[in-house]
């Protein structure tokens, strides 16, 4: 996906009505308490399993992690790959749309580190 391609997000019209500025729209996509953190861990690993994500984010509940993964997938930021194995194996990897947030989340991470210390 190049930066000039416009692809609709789910509920895009409602999201655009809720906010008059683009930052408000962007925050509806990545702005939940956990969504940017989950996406950050997927972007860092480039491919990650559910259990690895849960270990990386110990304070998140299974319910919220599962729910936010579904939301990220619905928004086209990650892709879920399920393998037909026993036990079941599922991996999450970033899509091109998700990758487009990597620099933004990296800068946000660096800003947070600077002010946490």
PDB file of N, CA and C in Angstrom:
ATOM      1  N   UNK A   1       0.840  -1.172   0.000  1.00  0.00           N
ATOM      2  CA  UNK A   1       0.000   0.000   0.000  1.00  0.00           C
ATOM      3  C   UNK A   1       0.885   1.234   0.000  1.00  0.00           C
ATOM      4  N   UNK A   2       0.790   2.052  -1.026  1.00  0.00           N
ATOM      5  CA  UNK A   2       1.593   3.269  -0.998  1.00  0.00           C
ATOM      6  C   UNK A   2       0.821   4.356  -0.253  1.00  0.00           C
ATOM      7  N   UNK A   3       1.507   5.434   0.101  1.00  0.00           N
ATOM      8  CA  UNK A   3       0.897   6.439   0.966  1.00  0.00           C
ATOM      9  C   UNK A   3      -0.215   7.236   0.299  1.00  0.00           C
ATOM     10  N   UNK A   4      -0.383   7.098  -1.000  1.00  0.00           N
ATOM     11  CA  UNK A   4      -1.431   7.834  -1.699  1.00  0.00           C
ATOM     12  C   UNK A   4      -2.685   7.002  -1.937  1.00  0.00           C
ATOM     13  N   UNK A   5      -2.634   5.711  -1.621  1.00  0.00           N
ATOM     14  CA  UNK A   5      -3.785   4.850  -1.787  1.00  0.00           C
ATOM     15  C   UNK A   5      -4.723   5.049  -0.607  1.00  0.00           C
ATOM     16  N   UNK A   6      -5.973   5.310  -0.897  1.00  0.00           N
ATOM     17  CA  UNK A   6      -6.952   5.499   0.161  1.00  0.00           C
ATOM     18  C   UNK A   6      -7.828   4.262   0.227  1.00  0.00           C
ATOM     19  N   UNK A   7      -7.740   3.569   1.351  1.00  0.00           N
ATOM     20  CA  UNK A   7      -8.575   2.405   1.582  1.00  0.00           C
ATOM     21  C   UNK A   7      -9.487   2.716   2.749  1.00  0.00           C
ATOM     22  N   UNK A   8     -10.731   2.325   2.641  1.00  0.00           N
ATOM     23  CA  UNK A   8     -11.701   2.590   3.700  1.00  0.00           C
ATOM     24  C   UNK A   8     -11.420   1.713   4.916  1.00  0.00           C
ATOM     25  N   UNK A   9     -11.632   2.272   6.096  1.00  0.00           N
ATOM     26  CA  UNK A   9     -11.604   1.530   7.340  1.00  0.00           C
ATOM     27  C   UNK A   9     -13.032   1.122   7.664  1.00  0.00           C
ATOM     28  N   UNK A  10     -13.228   0.043   8.431  1.00  0.00           N
ATOM     29  CA  UNK A  10     -14.576  -0.273   8.891  1.00  0.00           C
ATOM     30  C   UNK A  10     -15.125   0.906   9.690  1.00  0.00           C
ATOM     31  N   UNK A  11     -16.380   1.217   9.514  1.00  0.00           N
ATOM     32  CA  UNK A  11     -17.051   2.327  10.218  1.00  0.00           C
ATOM     33  C   UNK A  11     -16.381   3.671   9.955  1.00  0.00           C
ATOM     34  N   UNK A  12     -15.739   3.821   8.822  1.00  0.00           N
ATOM     35  CA  UNK A  12     -15.003   5.061   8.535  1.00  0.00           C
ATOM     36  C   UNK A  12     -15.911   6.282   8.563  1.00  0.00           C
ATOM     37  N   UNK A  13     -17.090   6.187   7.994  1.00  0.00           N
ATOM     38  CA  UNK A  13     -17.981   7.347   7.968  1.00  0.00           C
ATOM     39  C   UNK A  13     -18.340   7.804   9.375  1.00  0.00           C
ATOM     40  N   UNK A  14     -18.637   6.856  10.278  1.00  0.00           N
ATOM     41  CA  UNK A  14     -18.948   7.221  11.666  1.00  0.00           C
ATOM     42  C   UNK A  14     -17.736   7.839  12.331  1.00  0.00           C
ATOM     43  N   UNK A  15     -16.566   7.239  12.137  1.00  0.00           N
ATOM     44  CA  UNK A  15     -15.347   7.770  12.741  1.00  0.00           C
ATOM     45  C   UNK A  15     -15.083   9.194  12.268  1.00  0.00           C
ATOM     46  N   UNK A  16     -15.322   9.457  10.998  1.00  0.00           N
ATOM     47  CA  UNK A  16     -15.079  10.793  10.465  1.00  0.00           C
ATOM     48  C   UNK A  16     -16.095  11.796  10.988  1.00  0.00           C
ATOM     49  N   UNK A  17     -17.317  11.357  11.249  1.00  0.00           N
ATOM     50  CA  UNK A  17     -18.331  12.263  11.803  1.00  0.00           C
ATOM     51  C   UNK A  17     -17.998  12.625  13.249  1.00  0.00           C
ATOM     52  N   UNK A  18     -17.381  11.685  13.978  1.00  0.00           N
ATOM     53  CA  UNK A  18     -17.065  11.911  15.384  1.00  0.00           C
ATOM     54  C   UNK A  18     -15.964  12.946  15.574  1.00  0.00           C
ATOM     55  N   UNK A  19     -15.089  13.100  14.595  1.00  0.00           N
ATOM     56  CA  UNK A  19     -13.944  13.996  14.730  1.00  0.00           C
ATOM     57  C   UNK A  19     -13.834  14.909  13.527  1.00  0.00           C
ATOM     58  N   UNK A  20     -13.448  16.137  13.773  1.00  0.00           N
ATOM     59  CA  UNK A  20     -13.271  17.113  12.695  1.00  0.00           C
ATOM     60  C   UNK A  20     -11.818  17.163  12.213  1.00  0.00           C
ATOM     61  N   UNK A  21     -10.923  16.466  12.932  1.00  0.00           N
ATOM     62  CA  UNK A  21      -9.512  16.510  12.535  1.00  0.00           C
ATOM     63  C   UNK A  21      -8.975  15.099  12.314  1.00  0.00           C
ATOM     64  N   UNK A  22      -7.905  15.010  11.566  1.00  0.00           N
ATOM     65  CA  UNK A  22      -7.330  13.707  11.220  1.00  0.00           C
ATOM     66  C   UNK A  22      -6.706  13.001  12.415  1.00  0.00           C
ATOM     67  N   UNK A  23      -6.205  13.740  13.412  1.00  0.00           N
ATOM     68  CA  UNK A  23      -5.608  13.082  14.588  1.00  0.00           C
ATOM     69  C   UNK A  23      -6.688  12.338  15.368  1.00  0.00           C
ATOM     70  N   UNK A  24      -7.876  12.897  15.445  1.00  0.00           N
ATOM     71  CA  UNK A  24      -8.977  12.210  16.116  1.00  0.00           C
ATOM     72  C   UNK A  24      -9.337  10.916  15.412  1.00  0.00           C
ATOM     73  N   UNK A  25      -9.368  10.967  14.080  1.00  0.00           N
ATOM     74  CA  UNK A  25      -9.641   9.760  13.304  1.00  0.00           C
ATOM     75  C   UNK A  25      -8.557   8.713  13.545  1.00  0.00           C
ATOM     76  N   UNK A  26      -7.295   9.140  13.504  1.00  0.00           N
ATOM     77  CA  UNK A  26      -6.187   8.204  13.716  1.00  0.00           C
ATOM     78  C   UNK A  26      -6.264   7.569  15.101  1.00  0.00           C
ATOM     79  N   UNK A  27      -6.649   8.343  16.095  1.00  0.00           N
ATOM     80  CA  UNK A  27      -6.717   7.805  17.449  1.00  0.00           C
ATOM     81  C   UNK A  27      -7.835   6.784  17.612  1.00  0.00           C
ATOM     82  N   UNK A  28      -8.869   6.843  16.784  1.00  0.00           N
ATOM     83  CA  UNK A  28      -9.898   5.804  16.853  1.00  0.00           C
ATOM     84  C   UNK A  28      -9.353   4.471  16.354  1.00  0.00           C
ATOM     85  N   UNK A  29      -8.330   4.536  15.523  1.00  0.00           N
ATOM     86  CA  UNK A  29      -7.745   3.309  14.975  1.00  0.00           C
ATOM     87  C   UNK A  29      -6.721   2.715  15.944  1.00  0.00           C
ATOM     88  N   UNK A  30      -5.857   3.534  16.532  1.00  0.00           N
ATOM     89  CA  UNK A  30      -4.789   2.999  17.388  1.00  0.00           C
ATOM     90  C   UNK A  30      -4.884   3.447  18.838  1.00  0.00           C
ATOM     91  N   UNK A  31      -5.929   4.195  19.198  1.00  0.00           N
ATOM     92  CA  UNK A  31      -5.932   4.884  20.470  1.00  0.00           C
ATOM     93  C   UNK A  31      -6.509   4.176  21.674  1.00  0.00           C
ATOM     94  N   UNK A  32      -6.869   2.912  21.600  1.00  0.00           N
ATOM     95  CA  UNK A  32      -7.350   2.260  22.811  1.00  0.00           C
ATOM     96  C   UNK A  32      -6.169   2.049  23.762  1.00  0.00           C
ATOM     97  N   UNK A  33      -6.478   1.673  24.993  1.00  0.00           N
ATOM     98  CA  UNK A  33      -5.420   1.498  25.994  1.00  0.00           C
ATOM     99  C   UNK A  33      -4.361   0.498  25.526  1.00  0.00           C
ATOM    100  N   UNK A  34      -4.773  -0.569  24.840  1.00  0.00           N
ATOM    101  CA  UNK A  34      -3.850  -1.654  24.501  1.00  0.00           C
ATOM    102  C   UNK A  34      -3.499  -1.759  23.020  1.00  0.00           C
ATOM    103  N   UNK A  35      -4.289  -1.190  22.147  1.00  0.00           N
ATOM    104  CA  UNK A  35      -4.138  -1.464  20.714  1.00  0.00           C
ATOM    105  C   UNK A  35      -2.762  -1.098  20.164  1.00  0.00           C
ATOM    106  N   UNK A  36      -2.245   0.075  20.481  1.00  0.00           N
ATOM    107  CA  UNK A  36      -0.929   0.477  19.970  1.00  0.00           C
ATOM    108  C   UNK A  36       0.171  -0.412  20.540  1.00  0.00           C
ATOM    109  N   UNK A  37       0.012  -0.843  21.797  1.00  0.00           N
ATOM    110  CA  UNK A  37       1.010  -1.713  22.425  1.00  0.00           C
ATOM    111  C   UNK A  37       1.048  -3.069  21.722  1.00  0.00           C
ATOM    112  N   UNK A  38      -0.122  -3.624  21.457  1.00  0.00           N
ATOM    113  CA  UNK A  38      -0.194  -4.914  20.755  1.00  0.00           C
ATOM    114  C   UNK A  38       0.413  -4.781  19.365  1.00  0.00           C
ATOM    115  N   UNK A  39       0.023  -3.745  18.643  1.00  0.00           N
ATOM    116  CA  UNK A  39       0.557  -3.537  17.299  1.00  0.00           C
ATOM    117  C   UNK A  39       2.070  -3.351  17.342  1.00  0.00           C
ATOM    118  N   UNK A  40       2.578  -2.624  18.334  1.00  0.00           N
ATOM    119  CA  UNK A  40       4.017  -2.408  18.483  1.00  0.00           C
ATOM    120  C   UNK A  40       4.753  -3.741  18.625  1.00  0.00           C
ATOM    121  N   UNK A  41       4.228  -4.642  19.453  1.00  0.00           N
ATOM    122  CA  UNK A  41       4.883  -5.946  19.652  1.00  0.00           C
ATOM    123  C   UNK A  41       4.836  -6.789  18.378  1.00  0.00           C
ATOM    124  N   UNK A  42       3.762  -6.697  17.629  1.00  0.00           N
ATOM    125  CA  UNK A  42       3.671  -7.438  16.361  1.00  0.00           C
ATOM    126  C   UNK A  42       4.646  -6.850  15.343  1.00  0.00           C
ATOM    127  N   UNK A  43       4.746  -5.533  15.289  1.00  0.00           N
ATOM    128  CA  UNK A  43       5.673  -4.886  14.355  1.00  0.00           C
ATOM    129  C   UNK A  43       7.123  -5.210  14.705  1.00  0.00           C
ATOM    130  N   UNK A  44       7.449  -5.253  15.996  1.00  0.00           N
ATOM    131  CA  UNK A  44       8.823  -5.563  16.416  1.00  0.00           C
ATOM    132  C   UNK A  44       9.227  -6.972  16.007  1.00  0.00           C
ATOM    133  N   UNK A  45       8.311  -7.911  16.156  1.00  0.00           N
ATOM    134  CA  UNK A  45       8.620  -9.316  15.879  1.00  0.00           C
ATOM    135  C   UNK A  45       8.380  -9.691  14.425  1.00  0.00           C
ATOM    136  N   UNK A  46       7.546  -8.934  13.755  1.00  0.00           N
ATOM    137  CA  UNK A  46       7.136  -9.165  12.370  1.00  0.00           C
ATOM    138  C   UNK A  46       6.238 -10.390  12.212  1.00  0.00           C
ATOM    139  N   UNK A  47       6.285 -11.310  13.140  1.00  0.00           N
ATOM    140  CA  UNK A  47       5.379 -12.458  13.158  1.00  0.00           C
ATOM    141  C   UNK A  47       5.392 -12.967  14.590  1.00  0.00           C
ATOM    142  N   UNK A  48       4.225 -13.065  15.202  1.00  0.00           N
ATOM    143  CA  UNK A  48       4.187 -13.442  16.610  1.00  0.00           C
ATOM    144  C   UNK A  48       2.967 -14.314  16.898  1.00  0.00           C
ATOM    145  N   UNK A  49       3.134 -15.240  17.819  1.00  0.00           N
ATOM    146  CA  UNK A  49       2.032 -16.108  18.228  1.00  0.00           C
ATOM    147  C   UNK A  49       1.324 -15.501  19.426  1.00  0.00           C
ATOM    148  N   UNK A  50       0.100 -15.940  19.648  1.00  0.00           N
ATOM    149  CA  UNK A  50      -0.734 -15.402  20.715  1.00  0.00           C
ATOM    150  C   UNK A  50      -0.031 -15.502  22.078  1.00  0.00           C
ATOM    151  N   UNK A  51       0.514 -16.658  22.389  1.00  0.00           N
ATOM    152  CA  UNK A  51       1.180 -16.868  23.678  1.00  0.00           C
ATOM    153  C   UNK A  51       2.367 -15.940  23.882  1.00  0.00           C
ATOM    154  N   UNK A  52       3.111 -15.683  22.812  1.00  0.00           N
ATOM    155  CA  UNK A  52       4.247 -14.757  22.901  1.00  0.00           C
ATOM    156  C   UNK A  52       3.760 -13.338  23.182  1.00  0.00           C
ATOM    157  N   UNK A  53       2.670 -12.963  22.542  1.00  0.00           N
ATOM    158  CA  UNK A  53       2.092 -11.639  22.790  1.00  0.00           C
ATOM    159  C   UNK A  53       1.652 -11.506  24.237  1.00  0.00           C
ATOM    160  N   UNK A  54       0.978 -12.521  24.748  1.00  0.00           N
ATOM    161  CA  UNK A  54       0.487 -12.493  26.123  1.00  0.00           C
ATOM    162  C   UNK A  54       1.652 -12.364  27.103  1.00  0.00           C
ATOM    163  N   UNK A  55       2.758 -13.062  26.849  1.00  0.00           N
ATOM    164  CA  UNK A  55       3.945 -12.958  27.712  1.00  0.00           C
ATOM    165  C   UNK A  55       4.571 -11.569  27.620  1.00  0.00           C
ATOM    166  N   UNK A  56       4.529 -10.965  26.442  1.00  0.00           N
ATOM    167  CA  UNK A  56       5.109  -9.634  26.243  1.00  0.00           C
ATOM    168  C   UNK A  56       4.290  -8.536  26.908  1.00  0.00           C
ATOM    169  N   UNK A  57       2.999  -8.801  27.091  1.00  0.00           N
ATOM    170  CA  UNK A  57       2.087  -7.808  27.674  1.00  0.00           C
ATOM    171  C   UNK A  57       1.376  -8.473  28.858  1.00  0.00           C
ATOM    172  N   UNK A  58       2.075  -8.685  29.957  1.00  0.00           N
ATOM    173  CA  UNK A  58       1.521  -9.501  31.045  1.00  0.00           C
ATOM    174  C   UNK A  58       0.281  -8.923  31.727  1.00  0.00           C
ATOM    175  N   UNK A  59       0.082  -7.617  31.706  1.00  0.00           N
ATOM    176  CA  UNK A  59      -1.057  -7.022  32.414  1.00  0.00           C
ATOM    177  C   UNK A  59      -2.362  -7.045  31.633  1.00  0.00           C
ATOM    178  N   UNK A  60      -2.328  -7.511  30.406  1.00  0.00           N
ATOM    179  CA  UNK A  60      -3.546  -7.560  29.592  1.00  0.00           C
ATOM    180  C   UNK A  60      -4.267  -8.886  29.834  1.00  0.00           C
ATOM    181  N   UNK A  61      -5.584  -8.841  29.907  1.00  0.00           N
ATOM    182  CA  UNK A  61      -6.349 -10.073  30.087  1.00  0.00           C
ATOM    183  C   UNK A  61      -6.470 -10.799  28.748  1.00  0.00           C
ATOM    184  N   UNK A  62      -6.759 -12.096  28.821  1.00  0.00           N
ATOM    185  CA  UNK A  62      -6.942 -12.870  27.589  1.00  0.00           C
ATOM    186  C   UNK A  62      -8.112 -12.317  26.779  1.00  0.00           C
ATOM    187  N   UNK A  63      -9.180 -11.924  27.469  1.00  0.00           N
ATOM    188  CA  UNK A  63     -10.366 -11.405  26.787  1.00  0.00           C
ATOM    189  C   UNK A  63     -10.031 -10.140  25.997  1.00  0.00           C
ATOM    190  N   UNK A  64      -9.343  -9.203  26.630  1.00  0.00           N
ATOM    191  CA  UNK A  64      -9.020  -7.935  25.968  1.00  0.00           C
ATOM    192  C   UNK A  64      -8.014  -8.162  24.842  1.00  0.00           C
ATOM    193  N   UNK A  65      -7.015  -9.012  25.066  1.00  0.00           N
ATOM    194  CA  UNK A  65      -6.041  -9.291  24.007  1.00  0.00           C
ATOM    195  C   UNK A  65      -6.739  -9.868  22.789  1.00  0.00           C
ATOM    196  N   UNK A  66      -7.596 -10.833  23.006  1.00  0.00           N
ATOM    197  CA  UNK A  66      -8.323 -11.453  21.904  1.00  0.00           C
ATOM    198  C   UNK A  66      -9.208 -10.436  21.182  1.00  0.00           C
ATOM    199  N   UNK A  67      -9.898  -9.613  21.953  1.00  0.00           N
ATOM    200  CA  UNK A  67     -10.785  -8.592  21.386  1.00  0.00           C
ATOM    201  C   UNK A  67     -10.000  -7.569  20.567  1.00  0.00           C
ATOM    202  N   UNK A  68      -8.883  -7.091  21.100  1.00  0.00           N
ATOM    203  CA  UNK A  68      -8.088  -6.088  20.390  1.00  0.00           C
ATOM    204  C   UNK A  68      -7.419  -6.672  19.151  1.00  0.00           C
ATOM    205  N   UNK A  69      -7.011  -7.928  19.191  1.00  0.00           N
ATOM    206  CA  UNK A  69      -6.462  -8.573  17.994  1.00  0.00           C
ATOM    207  C   UNK A  69      -7.515  -8.620  16.893  1.00  0.00           C
ATOM    208  N   UNK A  70      -8.754  -8.922  17.259  1.00  0.00           N
ATOM    209  CA  UNK A  70      -9.845  -8.935  16.274  1.00  0.00           C
ATOM    210  C   UNK A  70     -10.069  -7.540  15.697  1.00  0.00           C
ATOM    211  N   UNK A  71     -10.008  -6.513  16.553  1.00  0.00           N
ATOM    212  CA  UNK A  71     -10.181  -5.141  16.075  1.00  0.00           C
ATOM    213  C   UNK A  71      -9.050  -4.727  15.141  1.00  0.00           C
ATOM    214  N   UNK A  72      -7.824  -5.079  15.485  1.00  0.00           N
ATOM    215  CA  UNK A  72      -6.680  -4.751  14.627  1.00  0.00           C
ATOM    216  C   UNK A  72      -6.793  -5.461  13.277  1.00  0.00           C
ATOM    217  N   UNK A  73      -7.266  -6.694  13.310  1.00  0.00           N
ATOM    218  CA  UNK A  73      -7.455  -7.441  12.068  1.00  0.00           C
ATOM    219  C   UNK A  73      -8.579  -6.819  11.243  1.00  0.00           C
ATOM    220  N   UNK A  74      -9.674  -6.450  11.908  1.00  0.00           N
ATOM    221  CA  UNK A  74     -10.811  -5.838  11.206  1.00  0.00           C
ATOM    222  C   UNK A  74     -10.401  -4.513  10.551  1.00  0.00           C
ATOM    223  N   UNK A  75      -9.523  -3.753  11.201  1.00  0.00           N
ATOM    224  CA  UNK A  75      -9.056  -2.487  10.639  1.00  0.00           C
ATOM    225  C   UNK A  75      -7.959  -2.674   9.597  1.00  0.00           C
ATOM    226  N   UNK A  76      -7.565  -3.912   9.350  1.00  0.00           N
ATOM    227  CA  UNK A  76      -6.573  -4.184   8.317  1.00  0.00           C
ATOM    228  C   UNK A  76      -5.153  -3.847   8.725  1.00  0.00           C
ATOM    229  N   UNK A  77      -4.877  -3.798  10.034  1.00  0.00           N
ATOM    230  CA  UNK A  77      -3.528  -3.483  10.508  1.00  0.00           C
ATOM    231  C   UNK A  77      -2.686  -4.737  10.724  1.00  0.00           C
ATOM    232  N   UNK A  78      -3.356  -5.858  10.991  1.00  0.00           N
ATOM    233  CA  UNK A  78      -2.652  -7.132  11.150  1.00  0.00           C
ATOM    234  C   UNK A  78      -3.381  -8.209  10.367  1.00  0.00           C
ATOM    235  N   UNK A  79      -2.665  -9.283  10.142  1.00  0.00           N
ATOM    236  CA  UNK A  79      -3.231 -10.453   9.480  1.00  0.00           C
ATOM    237  C   UNK A  79      -3.099 -11.630  10.433  1.00  0.00           C
ATOM    238  N   UNK A  80      -4.140 -12.417  10.522  1.00  0.00           N
ATOM    239  CA  UNK A  80      -4.145 -13.607  11.376  1.00  0.00           C
ATOM    240  C   UNK A  80      -4.013 -14.823  10.482  1.00  0.00           C
ATOM    241  N   UNK A  81      -3.033 -15.665  10.772  1.00  0.00           N
ATOM    242  CA  UNK A  81      -2.842 -16.891  10.009  1.00  0.00           C
ATOM    243  C   UNK A  81      -3.030 -18.067  10.959  1.00  0.00           C
ATOM    244  N   UNK A  82      -4.023 -18.898  10.680  1.00  0.00           N
ATOM    245  CA  UNK A  82      -4.301 -20.084  11.494  1.00  0.00           C
ATOM    246  C   UNK A  82      -3.813 -21.314  10.739  1.00  0.00           C
ATOM    247  N   UNK A  83      -3.036 -22.133  11.418  1.00  0.00           N
ATOM    248  CA  UNK A  83      -2.526 -23.365  10.835  1.00  0.00           C
ATOM    249  C   UNK A  83      -3.357 -24.539  11.341  1.00  0.00           C
ATOM    250  N   UNK A  84      -3.673 -25.462  10.456  1.00  0.00           N
ATOM    251  CA  UNK A  84      -4.476 -26.631  10.816  1.00  0.00           C
ATOM    252  C   UNK A  84      -3.570 -27.702  11.416  1.00  0.00           C
ATOM    253  N   UNK A  85      -3.129 -27.450  12.631  1.00  0.00           N
ATOM    254  CA  UNK A  85      -2.259 -28.398  13.334  1.00  0.00           C
ATOM    255  C   UNK A  85      -2.863 -28.693  14.694  1.00  0.00           C
ATOM    256  N   UNK A  86      -2.352 -29.739  15.311  1.00  0.00           N
ATOM    257  CA  UNK A  86      -2.752 -30.059  16.677  1.00  0.00           C
ATOM    258  C   UNK A  86      -1.492 -30.032  17.528  1.00  0.00           C
ATOM    259  N   UNK A  87      -1.413 -29.179  18.517  1.00  0.00           N
ATOM    260  CA  UNK A  87      -2.402 -28.176  18.908  1.00  0.00           C
ATOM    261  C   UNK A  87      -2.471 -27.052  17.872  1.00  0.00           C
ATOM    262  N   UNK A  88      -3.583 -26.311  17.886  1.00  0.00           N
ATOM    263  CA  UNK A  88      -3.746 -25.223  16.909  1.00  0.00           C
ATOM    264  C   UNK A  88      -2.629 -24.192  17.028  1.00  0.00           C
ATOM    265  N   UNK A  89      -2.226 -23.650  15.899  1.00  0.00           N
ATOM    266  CA  UNK A  89      -1.179 -22.635  15.870  1.00  0.00           C
ATOM    267  C   UNK A  89      -1.717 -21.426  15.115  1.00  0.00           C
ATOM    268  N   UNK A  90      -1.603 -20.256  15.735  1.00  0.00           N
ATOM    269  CA  UNK A  90      -2.054 -19.013  15.108  1.00  0.00           C
ATOM    270  C   UNK A  90      -0.918 -18.010  15.194  1.00  0.00           C
ATOM    271  N   UNK A  91      -0.663 -17.317  14.098  1.00  0.00           N
ATOM    272  CA  UNK A  91       0.356 -16.263  14.070  1.00  0.00           C
ATOM    273  C   UNK A  91      -0.280 -14.964  13.601  1.00  0.00           C
ATOM    274  N   UNK A  92       0.265 -13.868  14.101  1.00  0.00           N
ATOM    275  CA  UNK A  92      -0.186 -12.541  13.703  1.00  0.00           C
ATOM    276  C   UNK A  92       0.984 -11.809  13.086  1.00  0.00           C
ATOM    277  N   UNK A  93       0.736 -11.166  11.959  1.00  0.00           N
ATOM    278  CA  UNK A  93       1.776 -10.386  11.318  1.00  0.00           C
ATOM    279  C   UNK A  93       1.188  -9.089  10.800  1.00  0.00           C
ATOM    280  N   UNK A  94       2.016  -8.057  10.688  1.00  0.00           N
ATOM    281  CA  UNK A  94       1.502  -6.763  10.238  1.00  0.00           C
ATOM    282  C   UNK A  94       1.185  -6.776   8.749  1.00  0.00           C
ATOM    283  N   UNK A  95       0.167  -6.021   8.381  1.00  0.00           N
ATOM    284  CA  UNK A  95      -0.138  -5.803   6.968  1.00  0.00           C
ATOM    285  C   UNK A  95       0.628  -4.549   6.529  1.00  0.00           C
ATOM    286  N   UNK A  96       0.501  -4.197   5.269  1.00  0.00           N
ATOM    287  CA  UNK A  96       1.141  -2.975   4.772  1.00  0.00           C
ATOM    288  C   UNK A  96       0.595  -1.752   5.515  1.00  0.00           C
ATOM    289  N   UNK A  97      -0.701  -1.753   5.787  1.00  0.00           N
ATOM    290  CA  UNK A  97      -1.304  -0.644   6.538  1.00  0.00           C
ATOM    291  C   UNK A  97      -0.723  -0.589   7.953  1.00  0.00           C
ATOM    292  N   UNK A  98      -0.552  -1.741   8.574  1.00  0.00           N
ATOM    293  CA  UNK A  98       0.059  -1.789   9.905  1.00  0.00           C
ATOM    294  C   UNK A  98       1.506  -1.338   9.875  1.00  0.00           C
ATOM    295  N   UNK A  99       2.246  -1.781   8.871  1.00  0.00           N
ATOM    296  CA  UNK A  99       3.653  -1.378   8.714  1.00  0.00           C
ATOM    297  C   UNK A  99       3.790   0.131   8.560  1.00  0.00           C
ATOM    298  N   UNK A 100       2.760   0.759   7.974  1.00  0.00           N
ATOM    299  CA  UNK A 100       2.827   2.208   7.769  1.00  0.00           C
ATOM    300  C   UNK A 100       2.824   2.975   9.093  1.00  0.00           C
ATOM    301  N   UNK A 101       2.486   2.314  10.190  1.00  0.00           N
ATOM    302  CA  UNK A 101       2.487   2.945  11.513  1.00  0.00           C
ATOM    303  C   UNK A 101       3.795   2.715  12.280  1.00  0.00           C
ATOM    304  N   UNK A 102       4.705   1.942  11.706  1.00  0.00           N
ATOM    305  CA  UNK A 102       5.920   1.570  12.437  1.00  0.00           C
ATOM    306  C   UNK A 102       6.749   2.778  12.876  1.00  0.00           C
ATOM    307  N   UNK A 103       7.001   3.721  11.979  1.00  0.00           N
ATOM    308  CA  UNK A 103       7.802   4.894  12.343  1.00  0.00           C
ATOM    309  C   UNK A 103       7.103   5.744  13.396  1.00  0.00           C
ATOM    310  N   UNK A 104       5.799   5.865  13.278  1.00  0.00           N
ATOM    311  CA  UNK A 104       5.024   6.660  14.236  1.00  0.00           C
ATOM    312  C   UNK A 104       5.103   6.028  15.620  1.00  0.00           C
ATOM    313  N   UNK A 105       4.887   4.714  15.694  1.00  0.00           N
ATOM    314  CA  UNK A 105       4.931   4.036  16.986  1.00  0.00           C
ATOM    315  C   UNK A 105       6.346   4.002  17.557  1.00  0.00           C
ATOM    316  N   UNK A 106       7.355   3.931  16.687  1.00  0.00           N
ATOM    317  CA  UNK A 106       8.743   3.979  17.158  1.00  0.00           C
ATOM    318  C   UNK A 106       9.019   5.331  17.809  1.00  0.00           C
ATOM    319  N   UNK A 107       8.602   6.403  17.172  1.00  0.00           N
ATOM    320  CA  UNK A 107       8.804   7.736  17.742  1.00  0.00           C
ATOM    321  C   UNK A 107       8.034   7.905  19.048  1.00  0.00           C
ATOM    322  N   UNK A 108       6.826   7.372  19.102  1.00  0.00           N
ATOM    323  CA  UNK A 108       6.029   7.442  20.317  1.00  0.00           C
ATOM    324  C   UNK A 108       6.710   6.666  21.452  1.00  0.00           C
ATOM    325  N   UNK A 109       7.275   5.520  21.120  1.00  0.00           N
ATOM    326  CA  UNK A 109       8.012   4.713  22.094  1.00  0.00           C
ATOM    327  C   UNK A 109       9.228   5.477  22.621  1.00  0.00           C
ATOM    328  N   UNK A 110       9.983   6.082  21.730  1.00  0.00           N
ATOM    329  CA  UNK A 110      11.166   6.842  22.140  1.00  0.00           C
ATOM    330  C   UNK A 110      10.781   8.039  23.009  1.00  0.00           C
ATOM    331  N   UNK A 111       9.698   8.703  22.654  1.00  0.00           N
ATOM    332  CA  UNK A 111       9.218   9.835  23.447  1.00  0.00           C
ATOM    333  C   UNK A 111       8.838   9.363  24.852  1.00  0.00           C
ATOM    334  N   UNK A 112       8.138   8.229  24.932  1.00  0.00           N
ATOM    335  CA  UNK A 112       7.746   7.679  26.219  1.00  0.00           C
ATOM    336  C   UNK A 112       8.938   7.312  27.075  1.00  0.00           C
ATOM    337  N   UNK A 113       9.961   6.689  26.478  1.00  0.00           N
ATOM    338  CA  UNK A 113      11.174   6.319  27.210  1.00  0.00           C
ATOM    339  C   UNK A 113      11.859   7.557  27.772  1.00  0.00           C
ATOM    340  N   UNK A 114      11.903   8.605  26.965  1.00  0.00           N
ATOM    341  CA  UNK A 114      12.571   9.842  27.392  1.00  0.00           C
ATOM    342  C   UNK A 114      11.933  10.415  28.645  1.00  0.00           C
ATOM    343  N   UNK A 115      10.617  10.392  28.706  1.00  0.00           N
ATOM    344  CA  UNK A 115       9.931  11.022  29.832  1.00  0.00           C
ATOM    345  C   UNK A 115       9.613  10.063  30.973  1.00  0.00           C
ATOM    346  N   UNK A 116       9.806   8.756  30.772  1.00  0.00           N
ATOM    347  CA  UNK A 116       9.627   7.809  31.865  1.00  0.00           C
ATOM    348  C   UNK A 116      10.823   7.799  32.809  1.00  0.00           C
ATOM    349  N   UNK A 117      12.006   8.061  32.244  1.00  0.00           N
ATOM    350  CA  UNK A 117      13.235   7.998  33.051  1.00  0.00           C
ATOM    351  C   UNK A 117      13.380   9.155  34.003  1.00  0.00           C
TER     352      UNK A 117
END
